[in-house]
Protein backbone atom coordinates (compact mmCIF):
# COMPACT_ATOMS: atom_id res chain seq x y z
CA MET A 1 -17.62 -9.00 -23.99
CA ARG A 2 -18.63 -6.74 -20.98
CA SER A 3 -20.50 -3.91 -21.94
CA VAL A 4 -20.43 -0.55 -19.63
CA SER A 5 -22.62 2.36 -19.23
CA LEU A 6 -21.32 5.85 -19.81
CA LEU A 7 -24.40 8.61 -18.66
CA GLY A 8 -26.78 5.89 -19.63
CA ILE A 9 -25.61 4.39 -23.27
CA VAL A 10 -24.46 1.15 -23.02
CA THR A 11 -20.64 0.60 -24.88
CA GLN A 12 -19.86 -2.61 -25.59
CA SER A 13 -15.80 -2.65 -24.25
CA CYS A 14 -13.42 -5.98 -25.52
CA SER A 15 -10.45 -4.34 -23.31
CA ALA A 16 -10.53 -5.42 -20.27
CA TYR A 17 -9.72 -1.12 -18.73
CA ARG A 18 -11.62 -0.46 -20.67
CA ALA A 19 -14.47 -2.40 -19.51
CA GLY A 20 -12.93 -1.83 -15.55
CA ASN A 21 -13.18 2.28 -16.40
CA GLN A 22 -16.28 3.12 -15.86
CA TYR A 23 -15.93 6.87 -17.20
CA GLY A 24 -15.68 5.27 -20.67
CA GLY A 25 -11.88 6.69 -21.73
CA PRO A 26 -11.09 8.41 -23.95
CA MET A 27 -14.96 8.76 -25.03
CA ARG A 28 -14.91 11.13 -21.17
CA TYR A 29 -12.65 13.78 -22.56
CA THR A 30 -15.01 14.15 -26.03
CA LEU A 31 -18.17 14.20 -24.15
CA MET A 32 -16.86 16.87 -21.89
CA ALA A 33 -15.85 19.31 -24.93
CA ILE A 34 -18.66 18.90 -26.63
CA VAL A 35 -20.27 20.07 -22.52
CA MET A 36 -18.31 23.15 -22.41
CA ALA A 37 -19.19 23.73 -26.43
CA LEU A 38 -22.62 23.85 -25.28
CA THR A 39 -21.92 25.67 -22.72
CA CYS A 40 -20.20 28.67 -24.06
CA LEU A 41 -23.04 28.61 -26.29
CA ASN A 42 -25.57 28.40 -24.00
CA LEU A 43 -23.14 31.29 -22.23
CA SER A 44 -23.08 34.07 -25.20
CA THR A 45 -26.50 33.49 -25.51
CA ALA A 46 -27.34 34.75 -21.80
CA GLN A 47 -24.17 37.32 -22.17
CA ALA A 48 -26.39 39.10 -25.27
CA GLU A 49 -28.93 38.95 -23.30
CA SER A 50 -27.59 40.36 -20.24
CA THR A 51 -25.50 43.27 -22.05
CA THR A 52 -28.79 44.45 -23.40
CA GLY A 53 -30.43 44.99 -19.67
CA GLN A 54 -26.50 46.21 -19.32
CA ARG A 55 -26.75 48.76 -21.52
CA GLU A 56 -30.12 50.35 -20.71
CA SER A 57 -29.45 50.53 -16.48
CA LEU A 58 -27.46 53.70 -17.93
CA ARG A 59 -30.06 55.48 -20.14
CA GLU A 60 -30.68 59.17 -18.44
CA LEU A 61 -27.67 58.86 -15.59
CA SER A 62 -25.46 62.93 -16.52
CA GLY A 63 -22.16 61.33 -15.63
CA LEU A 64 -20.33 59.12 -12.57
CA VAL A 65 -17.58 59.58 -10.90
CA VAL A 66 -14.17 57.30 -10.78
CA VAL A 67 -12.88 55.01 -8.62
CA ILE A 68 -9.95 53.14 -8.78
CA GLU A 69 -8.88 50.12 -6.60
CA LYS A 70 -5.74 50.01 -4.97
CA ILE A 71 -2.98 48.66 -6.59
CA SER A 72 -0.54 45.83 -5.55
CA PRO A 73 2.78 46.94 -4.32
CA ASP A 74 4.05 44.62 -6.85
CA ALA A 75 1.88 45.47 -9.49
CA GLN A 76 2.99 48.97 -8.38
CA ALA A 77 6.55 48.39 -9.09
CA ASP A 78 6.26 46.81 -11.95
CA GLY A 79 4.61 49.92 -13.70
CA LEU A 80 1.09 49.53 -13.20
CA SER A 81 -0.47 53.28 -11.48
CA GLU A 82 -3.78 54.16 -9.87
CA GLU A 83 -2.81 57.06 -11.66
CA ALA A 84 -2.47 56.06 -14.79
CA ILE A 85 -5.16 54.04 -15.00
CA ARG A 86 -7.90 57.51 -13.82
CA THR A 87 -6.01 59.22 -16.92
CA ALA A 88 -6.82 56.65 -19.12
CA VAL A 89 -10.12 55.97 -17.67
CA GLU A 90 -11.16 59.72 -17.27
CA LEU A 91 -9.91 60.65 -20.74
CA ILE A 92 -11.80 57.73 -22.49
CA LEU A 93 -14.60 59.30 -20.65
CA ARG A 94 -14.62 62.40 -21.59
CA SER A 95 -13.71 62.23 -25.21
CA SER A 96 -16.60 60.01 -25.60
CA GLY A 97 -18.59 63.21 -23.97
CA ILE A 98 -19.41 61.54 -20.35
CA ARG A 99 -19.54 63.44 -17.62
CA VAL A 100 -16.88 62.29 -15.40
CA LEU A 101 -18.54 63.97 -11.05
CA THR A 102 -16.28 65.13 -8.48
CA LEU A 103 -16.90 63.22 -5.18
CA SER A 104 -18.61 66.18 -3.99
CA GLU A 105 -21.04 65.77 -7.34
CA ARG A 106 -22.02 61.90 -6.71
CA PRO A 107 -24.70 62.19 -3.73
CA MET A 108 -26.52 65.39 -5.71
CA THR A 109 -27.41 63.11 -8.99
CA PRO A 110 -30.17 60.20 -8.03
CA SER A 111 -28.22 56.95 -8.94
CA ALA A 112 -25.11 58.56 -7.73
CA PRO A 113 -23.23 55.90 -10.19
CA TYR A 114 -19.52 55.55 -9.93
CA LEU A 115 -17.61 53.57 -12.93
CA TYR A 116 -15.44 51.31 -10.57
CA VAL A 117 -12.53 49.54 -12.09
CA VAL A 118 -10.28 46.94 -10.51
CA VAL A 119 -6.57 45.14 -11.03
CA SER A 120 -6.28 42.34 -8.31
CA THR A 121 -2.58 41.02 -9.08
CA TYR A 122 -0.72 37.68 -7.96
CA LYS A 123 2.53 37.84 -8.71
CA ASN A 124 4.61 34.17 -9.28
CA GLU A 125 8.30 35.18 -9.90
CA PHE A 126 7.72 36.63 -13.45
CA LEU A 127 4.14 36.01 -14.05
CA TYR A 128 1.38 37.83 -13.17
CA ALA A 129 -2.49 36.53 -12.51
CA VAL A 130 -4.16 39.56 -13.18
CA ASN A 131 -8.12 39.99 -13.11
CA ALA A 132 -8.76 43.17 -14.12
CA ARG A 133 -12.55 44.21 -13.90
CA VAL A 134 -14.49 47.27 -14.93
CA GLU A 135 -18.61 48.04 -13.26
CA LEU A 136 -20.60 50.53 -13.16
CA ASP A 137 -22.67 50.90 -9.61
CA GLN A 138 -25.37 52.49 -8.80
CA GLN A 139 -28.50 53.52 -6.40
CA ILE A 140 -31.03 51.36 -7.43
CA THR A 141 -34.75 50.50 -6.45
CA LEU A 142 -36.40 47.27 -5.50
CA VAL A 143 -39.89 46.93 -7.07
CA HIS A 144 -41.55 45.35 -4.21
CA ARG A 145 -40.28 47.36 -1.87
CA PRO A 146 -39.91 50.77 -3.85
CA LYS A 147 -39.58 52.63 -1.81
CA HIS A 148 -35.96 50.83 -0.44
CA THR A 149 -32.62 51.50 -2.32
CA MET A 150 -29.44 50.09 -2.52
CA ALA A 151 -26.53 49.79 -4.57
CA ALA A 152 -25.83 47.26 -7.36
CA THR A 153 -23.82 46.83 -10.11
CA THR A 154 -25.52 47.55 -13.42
CA TRP A 155 -23.13 46.87 -15.93
CA ALA A 156 -19.81 45.02 -15.67
CA ARG A 157 -17.15 42.98 -17.54
CA ASP A 158 -14.03 41.37 -16.67
CA TRP A 159 -10.38 39.63 -17.67
CA ILE A 160 -9.00 36.84 -16.06
CA GLY A 161 -4.84 35.96 -17.96
CA VAL A 162 -1.38 36.19 -17.31
CA VAL A 163 1.13 38.78 -17.48
CA GLY A 164 3.81 39.19 -17.42
CA GLN A 165 5.76 41.44 -15.48
CA THR A 166 7.50 43.57 -17.87
CA LYS A 167 4.70 43.73 -19.71
CA MET A 168 2.38 45.56 -16.85
CA ARG A 169 2.61 48.55 -17.88
CA GLU A 170 0.10 47.04 -21.25
CA VAL A 171 -2.64 46.36 -19.02
CA ILE A 172 -4.07 49.03 -19.34
CA SER A 173 -3.74 49.85 -22.82
CA SER A 174 -4.50 45.78 -23.80
CA ILE A 175 -7.04 45.29 -21.28
CA ILE A 176 -8.32 48.02 -19.05
CA GLU A 177 -9.04 50.60 -22.24
CA PRO A 178 -11.02 48.34 -24.37
CA ARG A 179 -13.33 47.66 -21.97
CA VAL A 180 -13.80 51.33 -20.96
CA LYS A 181 -14.64 52.18 -24.54
CA GLU A 182 -17.09 48.96 -24.77
CA PHE A 183 -18.34 51.06 -21.72
CA ALA A 184 -18.63 54.30 -23.52
CA ASN A 185 -19.78 52.72 -26.22
CA ASP A 186 -22.76 51.14 -24.24
CA PHE A 187 -23.08 54.64 -22.32
CA LEU A 188 -23.20 56.59 -25.70
CA ALA A 189 -25.60 54.18 -27.34
CA VAL A 190 -28.48 54.48 -24.81
CA ASN A 191 -27.99 59.12 -24.15
CA PRO A 192 -27.13 60.16 -27.61
CA ARG A 193 -24.81 63.06 -27.92
């Protein structure tokens, strides 16, 4: 019988395959599942902590500009449009009591905030790989250089997945709108009306 070391654990192996496979065969999948589960638990804790900081970054904002990134021609042909995204986003913000600023009003606000919505797509026959992001960008000041300001993302939510070609119109209601509603809820939590 030969001993095989797997991450510092010595196992006894009777099989020639397992003896020759230093990575532990099926055991490596169990180990990978455990590592992934622990990573997810750790990330959810980190995300909960960062969510509080992101929410606090919205405090005392008087309003914001909505910026929609250009949509790919393929996605436009299959029913996704910048205008439809803008209408849905602004409707949620206004109905929540959040002031939507014009581009000319933005520089007059202290942090010049804007809600940036990006829907990146890659089409492969009848499916799209979609990366959707809703983020708030604003001017911030560095602690160690108080006179220096720069633009930074202070709140963000992402979605990555696959959408069928015939479902591209639903990207707004099922992917973008929930993230904008989450933003509106966070905004109102620190800026009660």
